[in-house]
Amino acid sequence: MKRIHLAPGRYIYILNFKKNPKSILMKNESIYKEQMVNIVTLKWGKRYGAEFVNKLYAAVSLNLSLPFRFVCFTDDPEGLDNGVEAFPIPDIVIDPPKLYTGWRKLSLFKESLPIDGECLFLDLDILITGKLDDFFTYEPGKIPIIRDWVSIVRKIFPKGPPVGNSSVFRFTANKTTFVYEQFLSERQWALDNFQPPQTYLTHSIRPQMVFWPTHWCVSFKANLRPVFPLNFFFEPRKPADARIIVFHGKPDPDDAAYGFKGKRIHHFIKPTSWVRELWEK
């Protein structure tokens, strides 16, 4: 069997042509459907423009060998590359201002999404530094998520069970609807008692939740930024074996690429050459 690349994330498979052509086509279609996966992201408002989506799509295309659909649920598809499939953000029963926050990720667990199969959700404020195939095979049947980064004090004196960071998680479209159904059954209690929204997502998926291997997804702020005063003399280090760098909060990838002052002296970041190289690809 030979695989031919058609476009980013699109392949056809050439089988033994001595066989019946009709059976070849049927088997080829089966192989394609079995291996197709989804990369899913969300974009709303003005903070992250089409450039962030397009750069993420390009990075996925370089680092995922499986045939995939790249799906962006958005309120504004203007400027998205042709390889990005844009759909309206699924409705969710939340009032502003919380509607325009990470609570919207719960809408991905509704029924009747325009996609099927395994989905890897990726926030827009990340950089991909390694291969992504393993994210689709790790712990089948589970909902993997990042273990959130906490301070040394919180590690020593935890306030509860560990929480997931929703920058990167996997789910099965139209199959993990129990998350949204549970939210509807306790909506006001959830909105009143969970902050940030990823703490509620953790609460609802916990029976099926597992954490990604720690070195797969690392925090730019927590793991790579030098501590004060070394941050004024050295740029953040490039991790050797990470697959994804997460830029939760500030700085964003473009900030780190060209230098970031921040509001406090320990937030300062020198221009980071390896981030700039990845950002400008």
Foldseek 3Di string as FASTA:
>chain_A
DDWDDDDQLDIWDQDDPVDDPVVRVVVRVVVLVVQEAEEEEEDEDDPDDQLLLQLVSVQLSVAEPTRYQYEYAYPDPPPHDPSYHYDHQADDPDDPPLCVDPLSVLSQLAADDPDFFKYKYAYSQKFFDHHDHVLRVPPPPFKEFAFDDDDPVCVVVPPDDTFGDHRIIMDTGNPNNQLRVVCVVCVVVLVVPDPPPSRSVCVSRVVRYDYDPNQQEEECLPPFQDFPPCQVPDATDDDDDYGMYGDPDDDGLVCQQCWDCDDDNRNTHHRDPVSVVSSVD
